[in-house]
C-alpha cells in the first residue's frame, strides 16, 4: 500500500506470494509441498489478482486503485479482479507505445438500427497520437520524486481494446522523451495520475528497506514455512515502522544529510523507535518479562511438599 507519511510516499506491505516458474516445478522429481499440501503452479498475474481480491475483502467499502507497470496493466489482471470486486476497483498503469486507441462511440441516433458501436473512430497507436497532441500539452505543477516539478502533459478519454472500456490517457512530455499513462478511474485529475504513478517507485524503495534495513534477506531458514513466517514478520515490522512515523507529531530529522534530499529516511524512524524503547518510561507500558505468578505459587507448593 502506498501512503503519504509526513509529506513523503512510503510503501506499507500487506501481503506476499512466492513465485515458482513452471519449468522449475516440472524439473523437480518430487512435488513441492508445504506442511504436506501440494503447491500448485500460479502465474504472476493470477497471484497478483488473488492478493488484490483478498485485500479488498478486508477493506470492503474503500475504493482500490492499483498502480502497476505496463506488464500488469492489461486485461489479465483487470478482468478477474474487476469481476470479484466490482466498480470500486480501478487500475493506473503505463501505456505501451504500440497500443491502439479508439475514440468513444457516438451517441445513438433516433431510429438507428442495429446494436450500438462499442468503439469509435480509430485514433492510432500511442506513439502516433503523441506527435499529434504534443502541441496541445499544457504545464502542470506536480509533487514528483520529493520535489515540486513542472511537467507538460495532455489528457484525453479514449477507448482501449485491451481492457474493453474507456480510459483516461495522459501523455507526459519531457525534453527528449515522453510516456503515456492510463487509468480506468475517469475522475482522477492529470496531477493525481502523474503523482500516483511517480509514487510507484517507492515500491522499489520498500524492497530495499525490507531486505537491507529490516534484514529479510539475512534469514538462515531452510524450511518453507519458516521462510514464510520470517518474511511475514519482516513485512509487519516495516509496515509498523511507517505507521509509527505517521503518528509522530513532528517530522523526523534526517541524520545523514544528502544533497537534494531534505525528507527523512527509513533508518531515521528506526533510530527514533530504538531510542523510545530504551527509555526508562517505556517499561511502564511494556514491563520487563518476569516469572508468572502461577508458576511461583506452584514452585512454593512443590518446596512445601518436598
Foldseek 3Di string as FASTA:
>chain_A
DWDQFPNAIADADDDDDDADDPVRQVVDPDFDDAPRHGDDHDDPLRVVLVVLLVVCVVVVPAQEEAEDEPVNPFCSNVVVNCVRRPPSYKYKYWDDQQFWWFAQFDDDDPPDDDDGDLTHHTPGGNNVVCVVCVVVWDWDFACAPNDTDIWTKDWDWTAGPRNSGIWIKIWIDDDPDITIMIMPPPPDDPRVSVRVNRSVVNVVVNVCCLCPVLNLVVDPDDRPVVNVVSSVVSSVVLNVLSVVSNPDPDAFAAPDDDPPDGHHDSVSSVVVVVVVCPDPVVCVVVPDDDDDPVVVVVVVVVVVVD
